[in-house]
Amino acid sequence: MAGDSTGYIQHHLQNMAYGELPAGYERHNADGTVSVLAEDTWTLAHSSAEAADMGFWAVHLDSLGWSIGLGLIFSFLFYRVAKNATAGVPSGIQSFVELLVSFIDGVVKDIFHHKNRMIAPMGLTIFCWVFMMNLMDLVPVDWLPMAAQKISGNEHLFFKVVPTTDVNITLGMAFTVFAFMIFFSIQQKGLIGFIKELTMHPFHSGKWYIDFTILVWVNLILEVVALISKPISLGLRLFGNLYAGEMIFILFGVMLGSGLVLGTAGVFLHLGWAIFHILVITLQAFVFMVLTTVYMAMAHDVDEEH
C-alpha cells in the first residue's frame, strides 16, 4: 500500500516534460523492456528520471498549456464584457468585472503614486491570471489527469493542471516583473542614477576615498542581493503555498483509496480544505499583485533617500 501511495503521489507531482534525450539513452518501458535510442530524440518523458535527464531545456507542456489557455480565457472574457458594456443597469458579469476593476484600481492608487498608465492594467492582469491558475487547484486531483489519460490512450501520462505549482511558471512571472523593475528604474532615474542607487546607499561617508574604496563595494553587494531577492521571493512564495496546497489535496486523494473509514474522512477533509483553500488562492493572487505594484513604485521613486 505504501508503494502504491508513493507512486500515486510521485505521478501527480510530475509535469508532462518534453525534452531531448541523447543517443544511446536507455529507456525503461512500462512493460519492463528496455529500448536504446539510436539518435538524439525530442520526446515526452516516461518517468521522473527521464524528465530530470532532459535537463534545463525540457519544456513542461501541461504548465505552459494551462497558463496560456487560462490567460486567453481571462482576456476573452474581459474583452467581451468591455465590448458589450452598457451605460444603463449592468448585467451580472459586467457588475462583477466593474467591481473587480474598481477594487484593483483603488489598491494600485493607494500604493503607486506616480504617473504610469501601465501599472493598473498590469495589476488587474496579474491578479486575475494568477487567481485563475490557482483556482485549478480546486478541481479534484484525479479528474483532469484521468481524462487526459483516457483521451491519449496512455495510462501513465503525466498531467499537472495547476500551473502555479510549477516553479518554472512562478519564477518566470517573477523575473518578468524583475525585468520591468530594471527597465522603469533606468527609465526614471537614468543609467547613472540607477548605478548610484546600487552603490551610494545605504552607507555614505561623504569622503570620496572611503566611499570609493570601501563603501561602494559594500553597498553594491547589499543592494544587488536585496534586488535579486525580490523576484526570487516573489516567485517562490506563490509556488510554495500552491505546491503545499496541492500536496494536501493529493494526500486526501490517497485517503479516498484507503478503505471506508479513511475514505469517508478524506471526503470531509477534502471539502473542508477546499473551502479554506479558496481564501489561500485569492490571497496569494492578491499578494503577488500588491508586491508587483510595490516594486513598480520603488522603481519609479527618484528620491535620493530610500
C-alpha atoms as a PDB file:
ATOM      1  CA  MET A   1       0.000   0.000   0.000  1.00  0.00           C
ATOM      2  CA  ALA A   2       2.868   2.370   0.854  1.00  0.00           C
ATOM      3  CA  GLY A   3       4.449   1.699  -2.534  1.00  0.00           C
ATOM      4  CA  ASP A   4       1.161   2.380  -4.336  1.00  0.00           C
ATOM      5  CA  SER A   5       0.676   5.600  -2.372  1.00  0.00           C
ATOM      6  CA  THR A   6       4.218   6.748  -3.129  1.00  0.00           C
ATOM      7  CA  GLY A   7       3.773   6.043  -6.839  1.00  0.00           C
ATOM      8  CA  TYR A   8       0.414   7.858  -6.828  1.00  0.00           C
ATOM      9  CA  ILE A   9       1.937  10.944  -5.188  1.00  0.00           C
ATOM     10  CA  GLN A  10       5.016  10.981  -7.419  1.00  0.00           C
ATOM     11  CA  HIS A  11       2.861  10.636 -10.538  1.00  0.00           C
ATOM     12  CA  HIS A  12       0.708  13.618  -9.560  1.00  0.00           C
ATOM     13  CA  LEU A  13       3.746  15.768  -8.786  1.00  0.00           C
ATOM     14  CA  GLN A  14       5.490  15.152 -12.124  1.00  0.00           C
ATOM     15  CA  ASN A  15       4.942  17.527 -15.039  1.00  0.00           C
ATOM     16  CA  MET A  16       4.472  16.491 -18.659  1.00  0.00           C
ATOM     17  CA  ALA A  17       8.077  17.154 -19.673  1.00  0.00           C
ATOM     18  CA  TYR A  18       9.099  17.384 -23.328  1.00  0.00           C
ATOM     19  CA  GLY A  19      12.813  17.437 -23.973  1.00  0.00           C
ATOM     20  CA  GLU A  20      15.812  15.882 -25.660  1.00  0.00           C
ATOM     21  CA  LEU A  21      17.336  12.537 -24.740  1.00  0.00           C
ATOM     22  CA  PRO A  22      20.799  11.720 -26.146  1.00  0.00           C
ATOM     23  CA  ALA A  23      21.689   8.881 -28.480  1.00  0.00           C
ATOM     24  CA  GLY A  24      22.376   5.676 -26.580  1.00  0.00           C
ATOM     25  CA  TYR A  25      19.949   6.585 -23.777  1.00  0.00           C
ATOM     26  CA  GLU A  26      18.259   3.549 -22.239  1.00  0.00           C
ATOM     27  CA  ARG A  27      14.518   3.992 -21.812  1.00  0.00           C
ATOM     28  CA  HIS A  28      12.714   1.677 -19.379  1.00  0.00           C
ATOM     29  CA  ASN A  29       9.270   0.954 -20.798  1.00  0.00           C
ATOM     30  CA  ALA A  30       6.099   0.251 -18.815  1.00  0.00           C
ATOM     31  CA  ASP A  31       6.156  -3.447 -19.822  1.00  0.00           C
ATOM     32  CA  GLY A  32       9.603  -3.894 -18.280  1.00  0.00           C
ATOM     33  CA  THR A  33      11.571  -3.851 -21.535  1.00  0.00           C
ATOM     34  CA  VAL A  34      14.470  -1.514 -22.257  1.00  0.00           C
ATOM     35  CA  SER A  35      14.894   0.371 -25.537  1.00  0.00           C
ATOM     36  CA  VAL A  36      18.015   2.231 -26.614  1.00  0.00           C
ATOM     37  CA  LEU A  37      17.746   5.456 -28.625  1.00  0.00           C
ATOM     38  CA  ALA A  38      19.684   5.356 -31.879  1.00  0.00           C
ATOM     39  CA  GLU A  39      19.981   9.175 -32.085  1.00  0.00           C
ATOM     40  CA  ASP A  40      19.247  12.339 -30.136  1.00  0.00           C
ATOM     41  CA  THR A  41      15.478  12.431 -29.721  1.00  0.00           C
ATOM     42  CA  TRP A  42      12.983  15.046 -28.574  1.00  0.00           C
ATOM     43  CA  THR A  43      10.182  13.203 -26.780  1.00  0.00           C
ATOM     44  CA  LEU A  44       7.863  13.140 -23.784  1.00  0.00           C
ATOM     45  CA  ALA A  45       9.398  11.856 -20.571  1.00  0.00           C
ATOM     46  CA  HIS A  46       8.088   8.444 -19.499  1.00  0.00           C
ATOM     47  CA  SER A  47       9.326   8.828 -15.922  1.00  0.00           C
ATOM     48  CA  SER A  48      10.559  11.441 -13.472  1.00  0.00           C
ATOM     49  CA  ALA A  49      14.104  10.159 -14.055  1.00  0.00           C
ATOM     50  CA  GLU A  50      13.811  10.837 -17.791  1.00  0.00           C
ATOM     51  CA  ALA A  51      12.423  14.303 -17.077  1.00  0.00           C
ATOM     52  CA  ALA A  52      15.437  15.042 -14.881  1.00  0.00           C
ATOM     53  CA  ASP A  53      17.841  13.682 -17.524  1.00  0.00           C
ATOM     54  CA  MET A  54      16.337  16.045 -20.118  1.00  0.00           C
ATOM     55  CA  GLY A  55      17.933  18.896 -18.218  1.00  0.00           C
ATOM     56  CA  PHE A  56      17.292  22.627 -18.240  1.00  0.00           C
ATOM     57  CA  TRP A  57      15.807  22.891 -21.737  1.00  0.00           C
ATOM     58  CA  ALA A  58      12.924  20.476 -21.079  1.00  0.00           C
ATOM     59  CA  VAL A  59       9.517  22.125 -21.534  1.00  0.00           C
ATOM     60  CA  HIS A  60       6.577  21.459 -19.218  1.00  0.00           C
ATOM     61  CA  LEU A  61       3.761  21.250 -21.740  1.00  0.00           C
ATOM     62  CA  ASP A  62       0.980  20.969 -19.179  1.00  0.00           C
ATOM     63  CA  SER A  63       2.028  24.057 -17.200  1.00  0.00           C
ATOM     64  CA  LEU A  64       2.516  26.124 -20.353  1.00  0.00           C
ATOM     65  CA  GLY A  65      -0.722  24.907 -21.903  1.00  0.00           C
ATOM     66  CA  TRP A  66      -2.877  25.629 -18.876  1.00  0.00           C
ATOM     67  CA  SER A  67      -1.264  29.002 -18.119  1.00  0.00           C
ATOM     68  CA  ILE A  68      -1.608  30.226 -21.706  1.00  0.00           C
ATOM     69  CA  GLY A  69      -5.122  28.798 -22.030  1.00  0.00           C
ATOM     70  CA  LEU A  70      -6.321  30.412 -18.797  1.00  0.00           C
ATOM     71  CA  GLY A  71      -4.723  33.708 -19.830  1.00  0.00           C
ATOM     72  CA  LEU A  72      -6.625  33.600 -23.128  1.00  0.00           C
ATOM     73  CA  ILE A  73      -9.885  32.793 -21.324  1.00  0.00           C
ATOM     74  CA  PHE A  74      -9.381  35.738 -18.969  1.00  0.00           C
ATOM     75  CA  SER A  75      -8.532  38.078 -21.878  1.00  0.00           C
ATOM     76  CA  PHE A  76     -11.511  36.951 -23.959  1.00  0.00           C
ATOM     77  CA  LEU A  77     -13.921  37.269 -21.027  1.00  0.00           C
ATOM     78  CA  PHE A  78     -12.849  40.807 -20.183  1.00  0.00           C
ATOM     79  CA  TYR A  79     -12.788  41.764 -23.874  1.00  0.00           C
ATOM     80  CA  ARG A  80     -16.386  40.591 -24.327  1.00  0.00           C
ATOM     81  CA  VAL A  81     -17.535  42.429 -21.204  1.00  0.00           C
ATOM     82  CA  ALA A  82     -15.808  45.652 -22.311  1.00  0.00           C
ATOM     83  CA  LYS A  83     -17.216  45.350 -25.834  1.00  0.00           C
ATOM     84  CA  ASN A  84     -20.793  44.755 -24.648  1.00  0.00           C
ATOM     85  CA  ALA A  85     -20.704  47.165 -21.687  1.00  0.00           C
ATOM     86  CA  THR A  86     -23.751  49.398 -21.354  1.00  0.00           C
ATOM     87  CA  ALA A  87     -24.293  52.709 -19.582  1.00  0.00           C
ATOM     88  CA  GLY A  88     -27.546  51.505 -18.058  1.00  0.00           C
ATOM     89  CA  VAL A  89     -28.107  48.796 -15.476  1.00  0.00           C
ATOM     90  CA  PRO A  90     -25.167  46.396 -15.926  1.00  0.00           C
ATOM     91  CA  SER A  91     -25.520  42.645 -16.234  1.00  0.00           C
ATOM     92  CA  GLY A  92     -24.245  40.321 -13.527  1.00  0.00           C
ATOM     93  CA  ILE A  93     -20.907  39.634 -15.212  1.00  0.00           C
ATOM     94  CA  GLN A  94     -20.436  43.312 -16.098  1.00  0.00           C
ATOM     95  CA  SER A  95     -21.136  44.297 -12.481  1.00  0.00           C
ATOM     96  CA  PHE A  96     -18.574  41.766 -11.272  1.00  0.00           C
ATOM     97  CA  VAL A  97     -15.917  42.976 -13.715  1.00  0.00           C
ATOM     98  CA  GLU A  98     -16.576  46.633 -12.883  1.00  0.00           C
ATOM     99  CA  LEU A  99     -16.335  45.853  -9.162  1.00  0.00           C
ATOM    100  CA  LEU A 100     -13.068  43.968  -9.662  1.00  0.00           C
ATOM    101  CA  VAL A 101     -11.560  46.701 -11.843  1.00  0.00           C
ATOM    102  CA  SER A 102     -12.575  49.366  -9.325  1.00  0.00           C
ATOM    103  CA  PHE A 103     -11.107  47.362  -6.447  1.00  0.00           C
ATOM    104  CA  ILE A 104      -7.749  46.727  -8.152  1.00  0.00           C
ATOM    105  CA  ASP A 105      -7.571  50.343  -9.345  1.00  0.00           C
ATOM    106  CA  GLY A 106      -8.111  51.559  -5.782  1.00  0.00           C
ATOM    107  CA  VAL A 107      -5.426  49.260  -4.399  1.00  0.00           C
ATOM    108  CA  VAL A 108      -2.930  50.352  -7.058  1.00  0.00           C
ATOM    109  CA  LYS A 109      -3.645  54.055  -6.449  1.00  0.00           C
ATOM    110  CA  ASP A 110      -3.022  53.595  -2.729  1.00  0.00           C
ATOM    111  CA  ILE A 111       0.412  52.066  -3.429  1.00  0.00           C
ATOM    112  CA  PHE A 112       1.592  53.642  -6.674  1.00  0.00           C
ATOM    113  CA  HIS A 113       1.722  57.453  -6.585  1.00  0.00           C
ATOM    114  CA  HIS A 114       3.463  58.064  -9.905  1.00  0.00           C
ATOM    115  CA  LYS A 115       2.231  58.528 -13.472  1.00  0.00           C
ATOM    116  CA  ASN A 116       2.259  55.315 -15.483  1.00  0.00           C
ATOM    117  CA  ARG A 117      -0.918  54.113 -17.174  1.00  0.00           C
ATOM    118  CA  MET A 118       0.515  50.609 -17.493  1.00  0.00           C
ATOM    119  CA  ILE A 119       0.604  49.758 -13.771  1.00  0.00           C
ATOM    120  CA  ALA A 120      -3.121  49.437 -13.013  1.00  0.00           C
ATOM    121  CA  PRO A 121      -3.815  47.177 -16.040  1.00  0.00           C
ATOM    122  CA  MET A 122      -0.730  45.157 -15.068  1.00  0.00           C
ATOM    123  CA  GLY A 123      -2.108  44.725 -11.553  1.00  0.00           C
ATOM    124  CA  LEU A 124      -5.509  43.654 -12.869  1.00  0.00           C
ATOM    125  CA  THR A 125      -3.936  41.168 -15.284  1.00  0.00           C
ATOM    126  CA  ILE A 126      -1.659  39.674 -12.639  1.00  0.00           C
ATOM    127  CA  PHE A 127      -4.437  39.271 -10.079  1.00  0.00           C
ATOM    128  CA  CYS A 128      -6.926  37.675 -12.475  1.00  0.00           C
ATOM    129  CA  TRP A 129      -4.391  35.455 -14.238  1.00  0.00           C
ATOM    130  CA  VAL A 130      -2.744  34.177 -11.055  1.00  0.00           C
ATOM    131  CA  PHE A 131      -6.160  33.663  -9.440  1.00  0.00           C
ATOM    132  CA  MET A 132      -7.394  31.582 -12.375  1.00  0.00           C
ATOM    133  CA  MET A 133      -4.237  29.451 -12.345  1.00  0.00           C
ATOM    134  CA  ASN A 134      -4.590  28.987  -8.585  1.00  0.00           C
ATOM    135  CA  LEU A 135      -8.279  28.159  -8.987  1.00  0.00           C
ATOM    136  CA  MET A 136      -7.378  24.976 -10.872  1.00  0.00           C
ATOM    137  CA  ASP A 137      -6.206  23.631  -7.500  1.00  0.00           C
ATOM    138  CA  LEU A 138      -9.879  23.219  -6.513  1.00  0.00           C
ATOM    139  CA  VAL A 139     -10.525  20.728  -9.317  1.00  0.00           C
ATOM    140  CA  PRO A 140     -10.309  17.204  -7.824  1.00  0.00           C
ATOM    141  CA  VAL A 141      -6.762  15.989  -8.406  1.00  0.00           C
ATOM    142  CA  ASP A 142      -7.737  12.889 -10.410  1.00  0.00           C
ATOM    143  CA  TRP A 143     -10.411  14.244 -12.753  1.00  0.00           C
ATOM    144  CA  LEU A 144      -8.413  16.023 -15.445  1.00  0.00           C
ATOM    145  CA  PRO A 145      -5.330  13.747 -15.335  1.00  0.00           C
ATOM    146  CA  MET A 146      -7.570  10.684 -15.751  1.00  0.00           C
ATOM    147  CA  ALA A 147      -9.455  12.369 -18.596  1.00  0.00           C
ATOM    148  CA  ALA A 148      -6.136  13.163 -20.306  1.00  0.00           C
ATOM    149  CA  GLN A 149      -5.023   9.547 -19.921  1.00  0.00           C
ATOM    150  CA  LYS A 150      -8.268   8.271 -21.436  1.00  0.00           C
ATOM    151  CA  ILE A 151      -8.109  10.687 -24.374  1.00  0.00           C
ATOM    152  CA  SER A 152      -4.431   9.998 -25.087  1.00  0.00           C
ATOM    153  CA  GLY A 153      -4.672   6.252 -24.507  1.00  0.00           C
ATOM    154  CA  ASN A 154      -1.582   6.484 -22.264  1.00  0.00           C
ATOM    155  CA  GLU A 155      -2.408   5.411 -18.716  1.00  0.00           C
ATOM    156  CA  HIS A 156       0.992   6.614 -17.491  1.00  0.00           C
ATOM    157  CA  LEU A 157       0.668  10.148 -18.921  1.00  0.00           C
ATOM    158  CA  PHE A 158       1.868  12.910 -16.599  1.00  0.00           C
ATOM    159  CA  PHE A 159      -0.580  15.811 -16.480  1.00  0.00           C
ATOM    160  CA  LYS A 160      -0.497  18.588 -13.876  1.00  0.00           C
ATOM    161  CA  VAL A 161      -3.282  21.155 -14.126  1.00  0.00           C
ATOM    162  CA  VAL A 162      -2.173  23.835 -11.629  1.00  0.00           C
ATOM    163  CA  PRO A 163       0.480  26.000 -13.341  1.00  0.00           C
ATOM    164  CA  THR A 164       1.425  27.804 -10.133  1.00  0.00           C
ATOM    165  CA  THR A 165       2.607  24.517  -8.582  1.00  0.00           C
ATOM    166  CA  ASP A 166       5.392  24.601 -11.192  1.00  0.00           C
ATOM    167  CA  VAL A 167       8.314  26.738 -10.026  1.00  0.00           C
ATOM    168  CA  ASN A 168       9.214  27.477 -13.656  1.00  0.00           C
ATOM    169  CA  ILE A 169       5.903  29.319 -14.115  1.00  0.00           C
ATOM    170  CA  THR A 170       6.033  31.316 -10.881  1.00  0.00           C
ATOM    171  CA  LEU A 171       9.683  32.300 -11.306  1.00  0.00           C
ATOM    172  CA  GLY A 172       9.028  33.103 -14.965  1.00  0.00           C
ATOM    173  CA  MET A 173       6.373  35.615 -13.919  1.00  0.00           C
ATOM    174  CA  ALA A 174       8.555  36.937 -11.107  1.00  0.00           C
ATOM    175  CA  PHE A 175      11.562  37.535 -13.351  1.00  0.00           C
ATOM    176  CA  THR A 176       9.292  39.301 -15.860  1.00  0.00           C
ATOM    177  CA  VAL A 177       8.314  41.650 -13.034  1.00  0.00           C
ATOM    178  CA  PHE A 178      12.032  41.985 -12.243  1.00  0.00           C
ATOM    179  CA  ALA A 179      12.756  42.975 -15.851  1.00  0.00           C
ATOM    180  CA  PHE A 180      10.094  45.709 -15.628  1.00  0.00           C
ATOM    181  CA  MET A 181      11.666  46.884 -12.355  1.00  0.00           C
ATOM    182  CA  ILE A 182      15.057  47.315 -14.003  1.00  0.00           C
ATOM    183  CA  PHE A 183      13.533  48.950 -17.095  1.00  0.00           C
ATOM    184  CA  PHE A 184      11.494  51.520 -15.162  1.00  0.00           C
ATOM    185  CA  SER A 185      14.351  52.183 -12.727  1.00  0.00           C
ATOM    186  CA  ILE A 186      16.694  53.090 -15.588  1.00  0.00           C
ATOM    187  CA  GLN A 187      13.938  54.975 -17.417  1.00  0.00           C
ATOM    188  CA  GLN A 188      13.055  57.140 -14.410  1.00  0.00           C
ATOM    189  CA  LYS A 189      16.499  57.600 -12.832  1.00  0.00           C
ATOM    190  CA  GLY A 190      18.800  57.205 -15.811  1.00  0.00           C
ATOM    191  CA  LEU A 191      21.576  54.652 -16.003  1.00  0.00           C
ATOM    192  CA  ILE A 192      23.883  56.747 -13.823  1.00  0.00           C
ATOM    193  CA  GLY A 193      21.141  57.283 -11.254  1.00  0.00           C
ATOM    194  CA  PHE A 194      20.408  53.558 -11.172  1.00  0.00           C
ATOM    195  CA  ILE A 195      24.091  52.759 -10.634  1.00  0.00           C
ATOM    196  CA  LYS A 196      24.298  55.390  -7.880  1.00  0.00           C
ATOM    197  CA  GLU A 197      21.280  53.803  -6.201  1.00  0.00           C
ATOM    198  CA  LEU A 198      23.131  50.487  -6.100  1.00  0.00           C
ATOM    199  CA  THR A 199      26.455  51.901  -4.926  1.00  0.00           C
ATOM    200  CA  MET A 200      25.792  55.014  -2.806  1.00  0.00           C
ATOM    201  CA  HIS A 201      23.143  53.588  -0.431  1.00  0.00           C
ATOM    202  CA  PRO A 202      22.733  52.819   2.406  1.00  0.00           C
ATOM    203  CA  PHE A 203      26.239  53.801   3.546  1.00  0.00           C
ATOM    204  CA  HIS A 204      27.749  57.125   2.543  1.00  0.00           C
ATOM    205  CA  SER A 205      30.527  58.857   4.492  1.00  0.00           C
ATOM    206  CA  GLY A 206      30.926  61.999   2.392  1.00  0.00           C
ATOM    207  CA  LYS A 207      34.637  61.294   1.978  1.00  0.00           C
ATOM    208  CA  TRP A 208      35.352  60.112  -1.541  1.00  0.00           C
ATOM    209  CA  TYR A 209      38.393  57.998  -0.703  1.00  0.00           C
ATOM    210  CA  ILE A 210      36.385  55.974   1.851  1.00  0.00           C
ATOM    211  CA  ASP A 211      33.300  55.758  -0.335  1.00  0.00           C
ATOM    212  CA  PHE A 212      35.077  54.580  -3.466  1.00  0.00           C
ATOM    213  CA  THR A 213      37.496  52.199  -1.801  1.00  0.00           C
ATOM    214  CA  ILE A 214      35.196  50.522   0.734  1.00  0.00           C
ATOM    215  CA  LEU A 215      31.591  51.656   0.965  1.00  0.00           C
ATOM    216  CA  VAL A 216      30.747  51.455  -2.757  1.00  0.00           C
ATOM    217  CA  TRP A 217      31.523  47.738  -2.789  1.00  0.00           C
ATOM    218  CA  VAL A 218      29.691  47.075   0.466  1.00  0.00           C
ATOM    219  CA  ASN A 219      26.658  48.959  -0.839  1.00  0.00           C
ATOM    220  CA  LEU A 220      26.804  47.146  -4.180  1.00  0.00           C
ATOM    221  CA  ILE A 221      26.791  43.720  -2.543  1.00  0.00           C
ATOM    222  CA  LEU A 222      23.930  44.618  -0.204  1.00  0.00           C
ATOM    223  CA  GLU A 223      21.795  46.279  -2.878  1.00  0.00           C
ATOM    224  CA  VAL A 224      22.327  43.564  -5.505  1.00  0.00           C
ATOM    225  CA  VAL A 225      21.392  40.861  -3.000  1.00  0.00           C
ATOM    226  CA  ALA A 226      18.286  42.837  -1.992  1.00  0.00           C
ATOM    227  CA  LEU A 227      17.393  43.442  -5.636  1.00  0.00           C
ATOM    228  CA  ILE A 228      17.751  39.817  -6.735  1.00  0.00           C
ATOM    229  CA  SER A 229      15.931  38.527  -3.652  1.00  0.00           C
ATOM    230  CA  LYS A 230      12.755  40.348  -4.708  1.00  0.00           C
ATOM    231  CA  PRO A 231      11.839  38.230  -7.773  1.00  0.00           C
ATOM    232  CA  ILE A 232      13.092  35.019  -6.150  1.00  0.00           C
ATOM    233  CA  SER A 233      10.966  35.513  -3.023  1.00  0.00           C
ATOM    234  CA  LEU A 234       8.017  36.676  -5.153  1.00  0.00           C
ATOM    235  CA  GLY A 235       8.061  33.524  -7.272  1.00  0.00           C
ATOM    236  CA  LEU A 236       8.918  31.045  -4.513  1.00  0.00           C
ATOM    237  CA  ARG A 237       6.220  32.397  -2.182  1.00  0.00           C
ATOM    238  CA  LEU A 238       3.494  31.703  -4.734  1.00  0.00           C
ATOM    239  CA  PHE A 239       4.975  28.337  -5.701  1.00  0.00           C
ATOM    240  CA  GLY A 240       5.434  27.181  -2.104  1.00  0.00           C
ATOM    241  CA  ASN A 241       1.894  27.984  -0.998  1.00  0.00           C
ATOM    242  CA  LEU A 242       0.216  26.400  -4.018  1.00  0.00           C
ATOM    243  CA  TYR A 243       2.526  23.374  -4.059  1.00  0.00           C
ATOM    244  CA  ALA A 244       1.763  22.723  -0.386  1.00  0.00           C
ATOM    245  CA  GLY A 245      -1.962  23.059  -1.049  1.00  0.00           C
ATOM    246  CA  GLU A 246      -1.780  20.660  -3.999  1.00  0.00           C
ATOM    247  CA  MET A 247       0.198  18.180  -1.897  1.00  0.00           C
ATOM    248  CA  ILE A 248      -2.535  18.188   0.753  1.00  0.00           C
ATOM    249  CA  PHE A 249      -5.194  17.509  -1.892  1.00  0.00           C
ATOM    250  CA  ILE A 250      -3.090  14.604  -3.190  1.00  0.00           C
ATOM    251  CA  LEU A 251      -2.815  13.164   0.315  1.00  0.00           C
ATOM    252  CA  PHE A 252      -6.586  13.362   0.658  1.00  0.00           C
ATOM    253  CA  GLY A 253      -6.792  11.524  -2.672  1.00  0.00           C
ATOM    254  CA  VAL A 254      -4.639   8.754  -1.163  1.00  0.00           C
ATOM    255  CA  MET A 255      -7.078   8.537   1.750  1.00  0.00           C
ATOM    256  CA  LEU A 256     -10.017   8.056  -0.615  1.00  0.00           C
ATOM    257  CA  GLY A 257      -8.490   4.796  -1.800  1.00  0.00           C
ATOM    258  CA  SER A 258      -7.545   3.538   1.683  1.00  0.00           C
ATOM    259  CA  GLY A 259     -10.756   1.917   2.875  1.00  0.00           C
ATOM    260  CA  LEU A 260     -14.179   3.022   4.023  1.00  0.00           C
ATOM    261  CA  VAL A 261     -13.190   4.811   7.230  1.00  0.00           C
ATOM    262  CA  LEU A 262     -10.212   6.724   5.829  1.00  0.00           C
ATOM    263  CA  GLY A 263     -12.073   7.322   2.561  1.00  0.00           C
ATOM    264  CA  THR A 264     -15.045   8.890   4.375  1.00  0.00           C
ATOM    265  CA  ALA A 265     -12.709  11.039   6.469  1.00  0.00           C
ATOM    266  CA  GLY A 266     -10.875  12.016   3.280  1.00  0.00           C
ATOM    267  CA  VAL A 267     -14.093  13.284   1.686  1.00  0.00           C
ATOM    268  CA  PHE A 268     -14.873  15.630   4.582  1.00  0.00           C
ATOM    269  CA  LEU A 269     -11.261  16.750   4.954  1.00  0.00           C
ATOM    270  CA  HIS A 270     -11.070  17.384   1.212  1.00  0.00           C
ATOM    271  CA  LEU A 271     -14.219  19.505   1.326  1.00  0.00           C
ATOM    272  CA  GLY A 272     -13.029  21.489   4.355  1.00  0.00           C
ATOM    273  CA  TRP A 273      -9.609  22.128   2.862  1.00  0.00           C
ATOM    274  CA  ALA A 274     -11.159  23.175  -0.472  1.00  0.00           C
ATOM    275  CA  ILE A 275     -13.341  25.765   1.288  1.00  0.00           C
ATOM    276  CA  PHE A 276     -10.339  27.116   3.210  1.00  0.00           C
ATOM    277  CA  HIS A 277      -8.179  26.989   0.090  1.00  0.00           C
ATOM    278  CA  ILE A 278     -10.497  29.464  -1.660  1.00  0.00           C
ATOM    279  CA  LEU A 279      -9.074  32.067   0.718  1.00  0.00           C
ATOM    280  CA  VAL A 280      -5.500  30.877   0.086  1.00  0.00           C
ATOM    281  CA  ILE A 281      -5.678  31.062  -3.714  1.00  0.00           C
ATOM    282  CA  THR A 282      -7.297  34.508  -3.602  1.00  0.00           C
ATOM    283  CA  LEU A 283      -4.832  35.834  -1.043  1.00  0.00           C
ATOM    284  CA  GLN A 284      -1.808  34.562  -2.986  1.00  0.00           C
ATOM    285  CA  ALA A 285      -3.023  36.225  -6.188  1.00  0.00           C
ATOM    286  CA  PHE A 286      -3.599  39.455  -4.253  1.00  0.00           C
ATOM    287  CA  VAL A 287      -0.155  39.321  -2.586  1.00  0.00           C
ATOM    288  CA  PHE A 288       1.580  38.747  -5.935  1.00  0.00           C
ATOM    289  CA  MET A 289      -0.258  41.725  -7.412  1.00  0.00           C
ATOM    290  CA  VAL A 290       0.403  44.010  -4.430  1.00  0.00           C
ATOM    291  CA  LEU A 291       4.122  43.192  -4.277  1.00  0.00           C
ATOM    292  CA  THR A 292       4.442  43.761  -8.019  1.00  0.00           C
ATOM    293  CA  THR A 293       2.844  47.189  -7.595  1.00  0.00           C
ATOM    294  CA  VAL A 294       5.149  47.959  -4.661  1.00  0.00           C
ATOM    295  CA  TYR A 295       8.193  47.039  -6.754  1.00  0.00           C
ATOM    296  CA  MET A 296       6.965  49.232  -9.607  1.00  0.00           C
ATOM    297  CA  ALA A 297       6.546  52.133  -7.165  1.00  0.00           C
ATOM    298  CA  MET A 298      10.098  51.596  -5.895  1.00  0.00           C
ATOM    299  CA  ALA A 299      11.369  51.612  -9.473  1.00  0.00           C
ATOM    300  CA  HIS A 300       9.668  54.967 -10.099  1.00  0.00           C
ATOM    301  CA  ASP A 301      10.886  56.552  -6.855  1.00  0.00           C
ATOM    302  CA  VAL A 302      13.608  59.055  -7.780  1.00  0.00           C
ATOM    303  CA  ASP A 303      14.237  60.373  -4.259  1.00  0.00           C
ATOM    304  CA  GLU A 304      17.810  60.113  -3.087  1.00  0.00           C
ATOM    305  CA  GLU A 305      16.822  58.687   0.267  1.00  0.00           C
ATOM    306  CA  HIS A 306      15.116  55.302   0.429  1.00  0.00           C
END
